[in-house]
Amino acid sequence: MIKSRVSTPARICRVGSVEIGPGLPLAILAGPCVLESFELGLEVGRTVRDLCRESGLSYVFKASFDKANRSSVRSPRGPGLERGLEWLGRIGRELGVPVTTDIHEVEQADPAAEAVDLLQIPAFLCRQTDLLHAAGVAAARRGKGVNVKKGQFLSPREMGGPVRKLDESGCSNVLLTERGTFFGYHRLVNDFIGLDEMMHLECPGGPPPLCFDCTHSTQLPGLGEQTGGQPRAMPLLARAATAAGVHALFIECHPEPAKAMSDSSTQAPLSRMASVLASVARIRRAVDKG
């Protein structure tokens, strides 16, 4: 006999001035994959910020200062920690929006937590206790948050482990992100029943809000030195995840994806963001009406 799930009030993740969770505006975490230049970040951030405002969506700017998990040692990685965090801080201040970036090493947690509002733990590192602990301590000390991407190798329920590690490090301001699961023939798939499981994780203090990564979910891993992708599927996944009730969407976008330094095969054209955001905003309003 299957036991009925007991509904536990979900947490709220506070990212600067933005609150993410049930009953709150759909949040958009978006920007270029890697921070190629200060000017590019500002261009993308300003465009998406204004589109979010028009559609009644919350916005958090996203970009990476270092892409440490590239497929090849010859791949460009970004401006690095010091210059990258300086640019991210300036972009957040000039646009008046919160900022998130990913960290890959324990030593990056403290300086990143000083510069941005939300620390992102990459999917392949979501079980690394030292990194989670460092991120949790740094975020809790400064009133910031931590976003953990679910590893492609984990079941939804196993994401309770990273949440507990962060809780035990003093950080309950947590967001989880789904980004696809390995399927076996060089593509990722999204388990939408798993989204429901993650939104109802049995965690002390309730389950964290859930974000859906619309662009990395279209990846075709293992096709060579650069990961392939199916970017045309991004709007479909964004609409489906919004209808499923997620609290945030993660979208990497670029004015000219083919020329991007990283993830050129999956980033959304910046020109497409207006229609995508307007569409998910309409779906979110319909979901809220029930």
C-alpha atoms as a PDB file:
ATOM      1  CA  MET A   1       0.000   0.000   0.000  1.00  0.00           C
ATOM      2  CA  ILE A   2       1.410   3.393  -1.005  1.00  0.00           C
ATOM      3  CA  LYS A   3       1.333   5.946   1.777  1.00  0.00           C
ATOM      4  CA  SER A   4      -0.066   9.335   0.904  1.00  0.00           C
ATOM      5  CA  ARG A   5       2.490  12.127   1.015  1.00  0.00           C
ATOM      6  CA  VAL A   6       2.195  14.485   3.948  1.00  0.00           C
ATOM      7  CA  SER A   7       2.292  18.066   2.709  1.00  0.00           C
ATOM      8  CA  THR A   8       5.099  20.034   4.350  1.00  0.00           C
ATOM      9  CA  PRO A   9       5.281  23.800   3.961  1.00  0.00           C
ATOM     10  CA  ALA A  10       8.095  24.638   1.560  1.00  0.00           C
ATOM     11  CA  ARG A  11      10.888  27.054   2.379  1.00  0.00           C
ATOM     12  CA  ILE A  12      11.453  30.418   0.777  1.00  0.00           C
ATOM     13  CA  CYS A  13      14.832  31.146  -0.831  1.00  0.00           C
ATOM     14  CA  ARG A  14      15.825  34.800  -0.478  1.00  0.00           C
ATOM     15  CA  VAL A  15      18.223  36.057  -3.139  1.00  0.00           C
ATOM     16  CA  GLY A  16      18.893  39.709  -2.456  1.00  0.00           C
ATOM     17  CA  SER A  17      15.581  41.486  -3.011  1.00  0.00           C
ATOM     18  CA  VAL A  18      14.029  38.439  -4.720  1.00  0.00           C
ATOM     19  CA  GLU A  19      12.068  35.764  -2.874  1.00  0.00           C
ATOM     20  CA  ILE A  20      11.606  32.380  -4.552  1.00  0.00           C
ATOM     21  CA  GLY A  21       8.999  29.863  -3.515  1.00  0.00           C
ATOM     22  CA  PRO A  22       5.313  28.914  -3.494  1.00  0.00           C
ATOM     23  CA  GLY A  23       2.882  31.773  -4.004  1.00  0.00           C
ATOM     24  CA  LEU A  24       5.626  34.121  -5.202  1.00  0.00           C
ATOM     25  CA  PRO A  25       6.361  35.398  -8.714  1.00  0.00           C
ATOM     26  CA  LEU A  26       8.156  32.972 -10.992  1.00  0.00           C
ATOM     27  CA  ALA A  27      11.865  33.783 -10.763  1.00  0.00           C
ATOM     28  CA  ILE A  28      14.159  33.831 -13.789  1.00  0.00           C
ATOM     29  CA  LEU A  29      17.873  33.100 -13.301  1.00  0.00           C
ATOM     30  CA  ALA A  30      19.364  34.110 -16.623  1.00  0.00           C
ATOM     31  CA  GLY A  31      22.443  35.461 -18.346  1.00  0.00           C
ATOM     32  CA  PRO A  32      25.360  34.302 -20.489  1.00  0.00           C
ATOM     33  CA  CYS A  33      27.032  31.008 -19.665  1.00  0.00           C
ATOM     34  CA  VAL A  34      30.430  32.602 -19.070  1.00  0.00           C
ATOM     35  CA  LEU A  35      31.106  36.261 -18.341  1.00  0.00           C
ATOM     36  CA  GLU A  36      32.897  37.045 -21.604  1.00  0.00           C
ATOM     37  CA  SER A  37      33.069  40.768 -20.850  1.00  0.00           C
ATOM     38  CA  PHE A  38      31.537  43.300 -18.497  1.00  0.00           C
ATOM     39  CA  GLU A  39      29.715  44.927 -21.438  1.00  0.00           C
ATOM     40  CA  LEU A  40      28.176  41.653 -22.629  1.00  0.00           C
ATOM     41  CA  GLY A  41      26.937  40.832 -19.144  1.00  0.00           C
ATOM     42  CA  LEU A  42      25.397  44.268 -18.805  1.00  0.00           C
ATOM     43  CA  GLU A  43      23.693  44.011 -22.214  1.00  0.00           C
ATOM     44  CA  VAL A  44      22.169  40.605 -21.523  1.00  0.00           C
ATOM     45  CA  GLY A  45      21.228  41.468 -17.944  1.00  0.00           C
ATOM     46  CA  ARG A  46      19.538  44.731 -18.865  1.00  0.00           C
ATOM     47  CA  THR A  47      17.506  43.076 -21.628  1.00  0.00           C
ATOM     48  CA  VAL A  48      16.284  40.183 -19.495  1.00  0.00           C
ATOM     49  CA  ARG A  49      15.628  42.434 -16.481  1.00  0.00           C
ATOM     50  CA  ASP A  50      13.359  44.684 -18.525  1.00  0.00           C
ATOM     51  CA  LEU A  51      11.518  41.724 -20.067  1.00  0.00           C
ATOM     52  CA  CYS A  52      10.948  40.218 -16.618  1.00  0.00           C
ATOM     53  CA  ARG A  53       9.555  43.495 -15.328  1.00  0.00           C
ATOM     54  CA  GLU A  54       7.140  43.669 -18.263  1.00  0.00           C
ATOM     55  CA  SER A  55       5.878  40.150 -17.525  1.00  0.00           C
ATOM     56  CA  GLY A  56       5.730  40.375 -13.722  1.00  0.00           C
ATOM     57  CA  LEU A  57       8.605  37.951 -13.185  1.00  0.00           C
ATOM     58  CA  SER A  58      11.443  38.201 -10.688  1.00  0.00           C
ATOM     59  CA  TYR A  59      14.986  38.321 -12.047  1.00  0.00           C
ATOM     60  CA  VAL A  60      18.421  37.179 -10.892  1.00  0.00           C
ATOM     61  CA  PHE A  61      21.415  37.766 -13.189  1.00  0.00           C
ATOM     62  CA  LYS A  62      23.574  34.693 -13.810  1.00  0.00           C
ATOM     63  CA  ALA A  63      27.059  34.284 -15.293  1.00  0.00           C
ATOM     64  CA  SER A  64      30.186  32.253 -14.544  1.00  0.00           C
ATOM     65  CA  PHE A  65      33.599  33.743 -13.771  1.00  0.00           C
ATOM     66  CA  ASP A  66      35.310  30.402 -14.458  1.00  0.00           C
ATOM     67  CA  LYS A  67      34.042  27.374 -16.369  1.00  0.00           C
ATOM     68  CA  ALA A  68      36.132  24.729 -14.663  1.00  0.00           C
ATOM     69  CA  ASN A  69      34.189  21.753 -16.031  1.00  0.00           C
ATOM     70  CA  ARG A  70      34.937  22.214 -19.749  1.00  0.00           C
ATOM     71  CA  SER A  71      35.125  19.240 -22.086  1.00  0.00           C
ATOM     72  CA  SER A  72      38.635  20.217 -23.244  1.00  0.00           C
ATOM     73  CA  VAL A  73      41.652  21.904 -21.644  1.00  0.00           C
ATOM     74  CA  ARG A  74      41.720  24.147 -24.726  1.00  0.00           C
ATOM     75  CA  SER A  75      38.255  25.580 -24.051  1.00  0.00           C
ATOM     76  CA  PRO A  76      38.091  29.207 -22.821  1.00  0.00           C
ATOM     77  CA  ARG A  77      37.075  29.484 -19.181  1.00  0.00           C
ATOM     78  CA  GLY A  78      36.313  33.134 -18.426  1.00  0.00           C
ATOM     79  CA  PRO A  79      37.856  36.125 -16.630  1.00  0.00           C
ATOM     80  CA  GLY A  80      38.796  34.285 -13.443  1.00  0.00           C
ATOM     81  CA  LEU A  81      37.877  34.819  -9.812  1.00  0.00           C
ATOM     82  CA  GLU A  82      39.081  38.345  -9.050  1.00  0.00           C
ATOM     83  CA  ARG A  83      38.075  40.139 -12.238  1.00  0.00           C
ATOM     84  CA  GLY A  84      34.938  38.027 -12.676  1.00  0.00           C
ATOM     85  CA  LEU A  85      33.590  38.788  -9.210  1.00  0.00           C
ATOM     86  CA  GLU A  86      34.336  42.478  -9.709  1.00  0.00           C
ATOM     87  CA  TRP A  87      32.321  42.468 -12.937  1.00  0.00           C
ATOM     88  CA  LEU A  88      29.468  40.512 -11.363  1.00  0.00           C
ATOM     89  CA  GLY A  89      29.250  42.953  -8.458  1.00  0.00           C
ATOM     90  CA  ARG A  90      29.210  45.945 -10.811  1.00  0.00           C
ATOM     91  CA  ILE A  91      26.542  44.378 -13.016  1.00  0.00           C
ATOM     92  CA  GLY A  92      24.313  43.725 -10.019  1.00  0.00           C
ATOM     93  CA  ARG A  93      24.695  47.291  -8.754  1.00  0.00           C
ATOM     94  CA  GLU A  94      24.160  48.935 -12.152  1.00  0.00           C
ATOM     95  CA  LEU A  95      21.103  46.839 -12.967  1.00  0.00           C
ATOM     96  CA  GLY A  96      19.704  46.838  -9.435  1.00  0.00           C
ATOM     97  CA  VAL A  97      19.224  43.050  -9.439  1.00  0.00           C
ATOM     98  CA  PRO A  98      20.591  40.108  -7.422  1.00  0.00           C
ATOM     99  CA  VAL A  99      23.394  38.027  -8.937  1.00  0.00           C
ATOM    100  CA  THR A 100      24.342  34.354  -8.889  1.00  0.00           C
ATOM    101  CA  THR A 101      27.472  32.506 -10.002  1.00  0.00           C
ATOM    102  CA  ASP A 102      28.894  29.013  -9.644  1.00  0.00           C
ATOM    103  CA  ILE A 103      31.845  27.970  -7.538  1.00  0.00           C
ATOM    104  CA  HIS A 104      34.002  24.877  -7.976  1.00  0.00           C
ATOM    105  CA  GLU A 105      36.502  25.050  -5.119  1.00  0.00           C
ATOM    106  CA  VAL A 106      36.275  25.543  -1.369  1.00  0.00           C
ATOM    107  CA  GLU A 107      38.524  28.608  -1.545  1.00  0.00           C
ATOM    108  CA  GLN A 108      36.069  30.369  -3.880  1.00  0.00           C
ATOM    109  CA  ALA A 109      33.150  30.297  -1.431  1.00  0.00           C
ATOM    110  CA  ASP A 110      34.080  33.269   0.774  1.00  0.00           C
ATOM    111  CA  PRO A 111      35.036  35.782  -1.945  1.00  0.00           C
ATOM    112  CA  ALA A 112      32.044  34.763  -4.072  1.00  0.00           C
ATOM    113  CA  ALA A 113      29.641  35.157  -1.143  1.00  0.00           C
ATOM    114  CA  GLU A 114      30.930  38.709  -0.661  1.00  0.00           C
ATOM    115  CA  ALA A 115      30.253  39.632  -4.286  1.00  0.00           C
ATOM    116  CA  VAL A 116      27.031  37.812  -5.224  1.00  0.00           C
ATOM    117  CA  ASP A 117      23.712  36.894  -3.623  1.00  0.00           C
ATOM    118  CA  LEU A 118      23.413  33.193  -4.495  1.00  0.00           C
ATOM    119  CA  LEU A 119      26.211  30.606  -4.706  1.00  0.00           C
ATOM    120  CA  GLN A 120      25.610  27.854  -7.254  1.00  0.00           C
ATOM    121  CA  ILE A 121      26.954  24.338  -6.746  1.00  0.00           C
ATOM    122  CA  PRO A 122      27.462  22.579 -10.120  1.00  0.00           C
ATOM    123  CA  ALA A 123      25.665  19.299 -10.722  1.00  0.00           C
ATOM    124  CA  PHE A 124      28.810  17.154 -10.818  1.00  0.00           C
ATOM    125  CA  LEU A 125      29.844  18.582  -7.417  1.00  0.00           C
ATOM    126  CA  CYS A 126      26.501  18.362  -5.622  1.00  0.00           C
ATOM    127  CA  ARG A 127      27.716  15.619  -3.249  1.00  0.00           C
ATOM    128  CA  GLN A 128      31.066  17.225  -2.384  1.00  0.00           C
ATOM    129  CA  THR A 129      30.785  17.704   1.363  1.00  0.00           C
ATOM    130  CA  ASP A 130      33.667  20.172   1.737  1.00  0.00           C
ATOM    131  CA  LEU A 131      32.332  22.414  -1.044  1.00  0.00           C
ATOM    132  CA  LEU A 132      28.770  22.333   0.297  1.00  0.00           C
ATOM    133  CA  HIS A 133      29.981  23.071   3.813  1.00  0.00           C
ATOM    134  CA  ALA A 134      32.156  25.978   2.672  1.00  0.00           C
ATOM    135  CA  ALA A 135      29.310  27.410   0.595  1.00  0.00           C
ATOM    136  CA  GLY A 136      26.826  26.977   3.424  1.00  0.00           C
ATOM    137  CA  VAL A 137      29.050  28.634   6.012  1.00  0.00           C
ATOM    138  CA  ALA A 138      29.975  31.530   3.697  1.00  0.00           C
ATOM    139  CA  ALA A 139      26.360  32.096   2.651  1.00  0.00           C
ATOM    140  CA  ALA A 140      24.992  31.916   6.194  1.00  0.00           C
ATOM    141  CA  ARG A 141      27.628  34.350   7.469  1.00  0.00           C
ATOM    142  CA  ARG A 142      26.585  36.982   4.914  1.00  0.00           C
ATOM    143  CA  GLY A 143      22.866  36.304   4.621  1.00  0.00           C
ATOM    144  CA  LYS A 144      23.203  34.805   1.130  1.00  0.00           C
ATOM    145  CA  GLY A 145      21.764  31.637  -0.424  1.00  0.00           C
ATOM    146  CA  VAL A 146      22.989  28.425  -2.065  1.00  0.00           C
ATOM    147  CA  ASN A 147      21.579  26.829  -5.220  1.00  0.00           C
ATOM    148  CA  VAL A 148      22.448  23.150  -5.698  1.00  0.00           C
ATOM    149  CA  LYS A 149      22.050  21.615  -9.125  1.00  0.00           C
ATOM    150  CA  LYS A 150      20.966  17.978  -9.045  1.00  0.00           C
ATOM    151  CA  GLY A 151      23.620  15.661 -10.383  1.00  0.00           C
ATOM    152  CA  GLN A 152      22.697  13.728 -13.512  1.00  0.00           C
ATOM    153  CA  PHE A 153      23.545  10.594 -11.541  1.00  0.00           C
ATOM    154  CA  LEU A 154      21.204  11.198  -8.579  1.00  0.00           C
ATOM    155  CA  SER A 155      17.579  10.317  -8.020  1.00  0.00           C
ATOM    156  CA  PRO A 156      15.326  13.210  -6.933  1.00  0.00           C
ATOM    157  CA  ARG A 157      15.051  11.911  -3.373  1.00  0.00           C
ATOM    158  CA  GLU A 158      18.837  11.792  -2.989  1.00  0.00           C
ATOM    159  CA  MET A 159      18.885  15.597  -3.149  1.00  0.00           C
ATOM    160  CA  GLY A 160      17.868  15.516   0.480  1.00  0.00           C
ATOM    161  CA  GLY A 161      21.549  14.785   1.222  1.00  0.00           C
ATOM    162  CA  PRO A 162      22.937  18.126  -0.031  1.00  0.00           C
ATOM    163  CA  VAL A 163      20.094  19.956   1.697  1.00  0.00           C
ATOM    164  CA  ARG A 164      20.944  18.319   5.026  1.00  0.00           C
ATOM    165  CA  LYS A 165      24.644  19.145   4.583  1.00  0.00           C
ATOM    166  CA  LEU A 166      23.801  22.795   4.016  1.00  0.00           C
ATOM    167  CA  ASP A 167      21.400  22.839   6.963  1.00  0.00           C
ATOM    168  CA  GLU A 168      24.113  21.388   9.167  1.00  0.00           C
ATOM    169  CA  SER A 169      26.481  24.105   7.923  1.00  0.00           C
ATOM    170  CA  GLY A 170      24.046  26.771   9.097  1.00  0.00           C
ATOM    171  CA  CYS A 171      22.449  27.596   5.740  1.00  0.00           C
ATOM    172  CA  SER A 172      18.730  26.935   5.308  1.00  0.00           C
ATOM    173  CA  ASN A 173      18.404  29.511   2.501  1.00  0.00           C
ATOM    174  CA  VAL A 174      18.540  26.907  -0.265  1.00  0.00           C
ATOM    175  CA  LEU A 175      17.354  26.457  -3.842  1.00  0.00           C
ATOM    176  CA  LEU A 176      17.493  23.183  -5.801  1.00  0.00           C
ATOM    177  CA  THR A 177      17.803  22.945  -9.586  1.00  0.00           C
ATOM    178  CA  GLU A 178      16.865  20.111 -11.932  1.00  0.00           C
ATOM    179  CA  ARG A 179      18.979  19.946 -15.110  1.00  0.00           C
ATOM    180  CA  GLY A 180      18.293  16.597 -16.709  1.00  0.00           C
ATOM    181  CA  THR A 181      19.285  12.981 -16.140  1.00  0.00           C
ATOM    182  CA  PHE A 182      21.612  10.767 -18.193  1.00  0.00           C
ATOM    183  CA  PHE A 183      19.597   8.533 -20.513  1.00  0.00           C
ATOM    184  CA  GLY A 184      22.139   6.461 -22.376  1.00  0.00           C
ATOM    185  CA  TYR A 185      22.368   7.702 -25.935  1.00  0.00           C
ATOM    186  CA  HIS A 186      24.114  11.054 -25.655  1.00  0.00           C
ATOM    187  CA  ARG A 187      21.149  13.040 -24.447  1.00  0.00           C
ATOM    188  CA  LEU A 188      19.567  14.166 -21.200  1.00  0.00           C
ATOM    189  CA  VAL A 189      15.945  13.663 -20.238  1.00  0.00           C
ATOM    190  CA  ASN A 190      13.789  15.387 -17.637  1.00  0.00           C
ATOM    191  CA  ASP A 191      11.765  13.341 -15.187  1.00  0.00           C
ATOM    192  CA  PHE A 192       8.711  15.458 -14.460  1.00  0.00           C
ATOM    193  CA  ILE A 193       7.490  13.072 -11.776  1.00  0.00           C
ATOM    194  CA  GLY A 194      10.897  13.710 -10.224  1.00  0.00           C
ATOM    195  CA  LEU A 195      10.099  17.433 -10.148  1.00  0.00           C
ATOM    196  CA  ASP A 196       7.135  16.649  -7.923  1.00  0.00           C
ATOM    197  CA  GLU A 197       9.318  14.481  -5.695  1.00  0.00           C
ATOM    198  CA  MET A 198      11.882  17.251  -5.316  1.00  0.00           C
ATOM    199  CA  MET A 199       9.175  19.789  -4.490  1.00  0.00           C
ATOM    200  CA  HIS A 200       8.059  17.464  -1.675  1.00  0.00           C
ATOM    201  CA  LEU A 201      11.418  16.364  -0.272  1.00  0.00           C
ATOM    202  CA  GLU A 202      11.200  15.316   3.352  1.00  0.00           C
ATOM    203  CA  CYS A 203      13.610  17.789   4.911  1.00  0.00           C
ATOM    204  CA  PRO A 204      13.644  19.453   8.333  1.00  0.00           C
ATOM    205  CA  GLY A 205      12.185  22.892   7.769  1.00  0.00           C
ATOM    206  CA  GLY A 206      10.433  21.770   4.599  1.00  0.00           C
ATOM    207  CA  PRO A 207      11.600  21.243   1.016  1.00  0.00           C
ATOM    208  CA  PRO A 208      13.543  24.027  -0.682  1.00  0.00           C
ATOM    209  CA  PRO A 209      11.968  25.732  -3.696  1.00  0.00           C
ATOM    210  CA  LEU A 210      12.750  24.187  -7.071  1.00  0.00           C
ATOM    211  CA  CYS A 211      14.344  25.708 -10.164  1.00  0.00           C
ATOM    212  CA  PHE A 212      14.355  24.096 -13.613  1.00  0.00           C
ATOM    213  CA  ASP A 213      17.394  24.506 -15.889  1.00  0.00           C
ATOM    214  CA  CYS A 214      15.860  24.936 -19.340  1.00  0.00           C
ATOM    215  CA  THR A 215      19.068  25.196 -21.372  1.00  0.00           C
ATOM    216  CA  HIS A 216      21.427  22.592 -19.883  1.00  0.00           C
ATOM    217  CA  SER A 217      18.548  20.111 -20.057  1.00  0.00           C
ATOM    218  CA  THR A 218      18.845  20.250 -23.850  1.00  0.00           C
ATOM    219  CA  GLN A 219      22.469  19.074 -23.822  1.00  0.00           C
ATOM    220  CA  LEU A 220      23.756  16.151 -25.867  1.00  0.00           C
ATOM    221  CA  PRO A 221      26.803  15.145 -23.773  1.00  0.00           C
ATOM    222  CA  GLY A 222      29.737  13.115 -24.976  1.00  0.00           C
ATOM    223  CA  LEU A 223      29.668  14.030 -28.664  1.00  0.00           C
ATOM    224  CA  GLY A 224      33.242  15.352 -28.743  1.00  0.00           C
ATOM    225  CA  GLU A 225      35.356  18.145 -27.292  1.00  0.00           C
ATOM    226  CA  GLN A 226      32.257  20.342 -27.126  1.00  0.00           C
ATOM    227  CA  THR A 227      28.914  19.253 -25.734  1.00  0.00           C
ATOM    228  CA  GLY A 228      26.110  19.298 -28.297  1.00  0.00           C
ATOM    229  CA  GLY A 229      22.585  20.478 -27.736  1.00  0.00           C
ATOM    230  CA  GLN A 230      19.044  20.943 -28.983  1.00  0.00           C
ATOM    231  CA  PRO A 231      18.311  24.584 -28.121  1.00  0.00           C
ATOM    232  CA  ARG A 232      15.047  24.587 -30.056  1.00  0.00           C
ATOM    233  CA  ALA A 233      13.608  22.452 -27.229  1.00  0.00           C
ATOM    234  CA  MET A 234      14.268  25.099 -24.566  1.00  0.00           C
ATOM    235  CA  PRO A 235      10.907  26.938 -24.853  1.00  0.00           C
ATOM    236  CA  LEU A 236       9.028  23.633 -24.712  1.00  0.00           C
ATOM    237  CA  LEU A 237      10.821  22.606 -21.530  1.00  0.00           C
ATOM    238  CA  ALA A 238      10.342  26.063 -19.988  1.00  0.00           C
ATOM    239  CA  ARG A 239       6.600  25.909 -20.593  1.00  0.00           C
ATOM    240  CA  ALA A 240       6.298  22.350 -19.321  1.00  0.00           C
ATOM    241  CA  ALA A 241       8.281  23.018 -16.144  1.00  0.00           C
ATOM    242  CA  THR A 242       6.266  26.160 -15.402  1.00  0.00           C
ATOM    243  CA  ALA A 243       3.028  24.212 -15.842  1.00  0.00           C
ATOM    244  CA  ALA A 244       4.431  21.570 -13.462  1.00  0.00           C
ATOM    245  CA  GLY A 245       4.709  24.243 -10.766  1.00  0.00           C
ATOM    246  CA  VAL A 246       8.426  24.933 -10.386  1.00  0.00           C
ATOM    247  CA  HIS A 247       9.340  28.169  -8.626  1.00  0.00           C
ATOM    248  CA  ALA A 248      12.145  29.369 -10.914  1.00  0.00           C
ATOM    249  CA  LEU A 249      13.641  28.865 -14.359  1.00  0.00           C
ATOM    250  CA  PHE A 250      17.349  28.890 -15.225  1.00  0.00           C
ATOM    251  CA  ILE A 251      18.085  30.041 -18.789  1.00  0.00           C
ATOM    252  CA  GLU A 252      21.441  30.821 -20.358  1.00  0.00           C
ATOM    253  CA  CYS A 253      21.153  33.333 -23.199  1.00  0.00           C
ATOM    254  CA  HIS A 254      23.473  35.219 -25.519  1.00  0.00           C
ATOM    255  CA  PRO A 255      23.099  37.783 -28.337  1.00  0.00           C
ATOM    256  CA  GLU A 256      24.914  35.418 -30.721  1.00  0.00           C
ATOM    257  CA  PRO A 257      25.035  31.883 -29.270  1.00  0.00           C
ATOM    258  CA  ALA A 258      27.146  30.534 -32.131  1.00  0.00           C
ATOM    259  CA  LYS A 259      29.942  32.926 -31.094  1.00  0.00           C
ATOM    260  CA  ALA A 260      29.662  32.268 -27.359  1.00  0.00           C
ATOM    261  CA  MET A 261      32.791  31.186 -25.475  1.00  0.00           C
ATOM    262  CA  SER A 262      30.910  28.382 -23.717  1.00  0.00           C
ATOM    263  CA  ASP A 263      27.785  26.275 -24.317  1.00  0.00           C
ATOM    264  CA  SER A 264      27.278  27.753 -27.772  1.00  0.00           C
ATOM    265  CA  SER A 265      25.129  24.752 -28.697  1.00  0.00           C
ATOM    266  CA  THR A 266      22.602  25.217 -25.892  1.00  0.00           C
ATOM    267  CA  GLN A 267      22.340  28.919 -25.076  1.00  0.00           C
ATOM    268  CA  ALA A 268      19.143  30.671 -26.125  1.00  0.00           C
ATOM    269  CA  PRO A 269      19.328  33.616 -28.529  1.00  0.00           C
ATOM    270  CA  LEU A 270      18.707  36.793 -26.553  1.00  0.00           C
ATOM    271  CA  SER A 271      16.172  37.798 -29.207  1.00  0.00           C
ATOM    272  CA  ARG A 272      14.038  34.783 -28.266  1.00  0.00           C
ATOM    273  CA  MET A 273      13.739  35.650 -24.601  1.00  0.00           C
ATOM    274  CA  ALA A 274      10.789  38.041 -25.016  1.00  0.00           C
ATOM    275  CA  SER A 275       8.461  35.362 -26.377  1.00  0.00           C
ATOM    276  CA  VAL A 276       9.664  32.698 -23.928  1.00  0.00           C
ATOM    277  CA  LEU A 277       9.221  34.896 -20.853  1.00  0.00           C
ATOM    278  CA  ALA A 278       5.832  36.175 -21.972  1.00  0.00           C
ATOM    279  CA  SER A 279       4.721  32.572 -22.528  1.00  0.00           C
ATOM    280  CA  VAL A 280       5.836  31.252 -19.130  1.00  0.00           C
ATOM    281  CA  ALA A 281       4.316  34.297 -17.415  1.00  0.00           C
ATOM    282  CA  ARG A 282       0.927  33.459 -18.941  1.00  0.00           C
ATOM    283  CA  ILE A 283       1.268  29.817 -17.893  1.00  0.00           C
ATOM    284  CA  ARG A 284       2.254  30.819 -14.363  1.00  0.00           C
ATOM    285  CA  ARG A 285      -0.829  33.030 -14.046  1.00  0.00           C
ATOM    286  CA  ALA A 286      -3.011  30.141 -15.213  1.00  0.00           C
ATOM    287  CA  VAL A 287      -1.374  27.768 -12.714  1.00  0.00           C
ATOM    288  CA  ASP A 288      -1.855  30.260  -9.891  1.00  0.00           C
ATOM    289  CA  LYS A 289      -5.567  30.522 -10.712  1.00  0.00           C
ATOM    290  CA  GLY A 290      -5.721  26.755 -10.295  1.00  0.00           C
END
